Amino acid sequence: MVTGAIRKHTRRRPVANRAISGLRPARCHPARPRPAVWAARRRISCGIMPRPRPALPTSADLPAFEHEVLRRWRDGKIFERSLDQTAGGPAWIFYEGPPTANGMPGVHHIEARVLKDAFPRFKTMQGFHVPRRAGWDCHGLPVEVAVEKELGLTSKRDIEAYGITAFNARCREASSEFAVINTIGMSRCSVFR
């Protein structure tokens, strides 16, 4: 025998669920006097009385649900109300670099916009007034490259032959079209602007 060692508790621990071990009749709770409300709860939790469950459709129409939520936010003017509630609070300004409007939004665009929208939302929940002003980068090389691909132009001479004024007008049209598409896509991701 080792001296000074701590002797471990060797008594058998009681079985937590004696109904399983066969030592006691199957019951949900130990027998003790309970008020009538507790007895009703016991019947429900033991499965004696089935809980009422709402009828669920066998298939969910998630796009319809999404449009319903967006409609409720739009009709309830949720974003405008959040700005009105914090109008007297201290201002918190967030300068976001505008995305280019030269194509369909990709996953990386959506991730960046949702992440950038998390900070203004957090500050709004803290009571700061966070005005948002949306914008798009609608100029420069990305838009021109997209229009060149669309029109099948490959060089500056092709652009000059097409007409610089007409080419610039087509760039403006393309950037405004993609700005609208991107705005709709971002609103579907719950990014308010």
Foldseek 3Di string as FASTA:
>chain_A
DDPPDDDDDDDDDDDPQVCVVVPDPDAPDDDDDDDPVVVVVRCDVVVVDDDDDDDDDPDDPVVVVLVVVLVCCVVVVVVVVLLVQLVVAAADEDDDDAEALADADDPVNLVVLVVSLVVVVVVSVVRHRYDDDHDHDQDDDSLLVSLCVVVVHDDVVSCVVVPVVVSVVVSNVSSVVSVVNVVVVNVSVVRDD
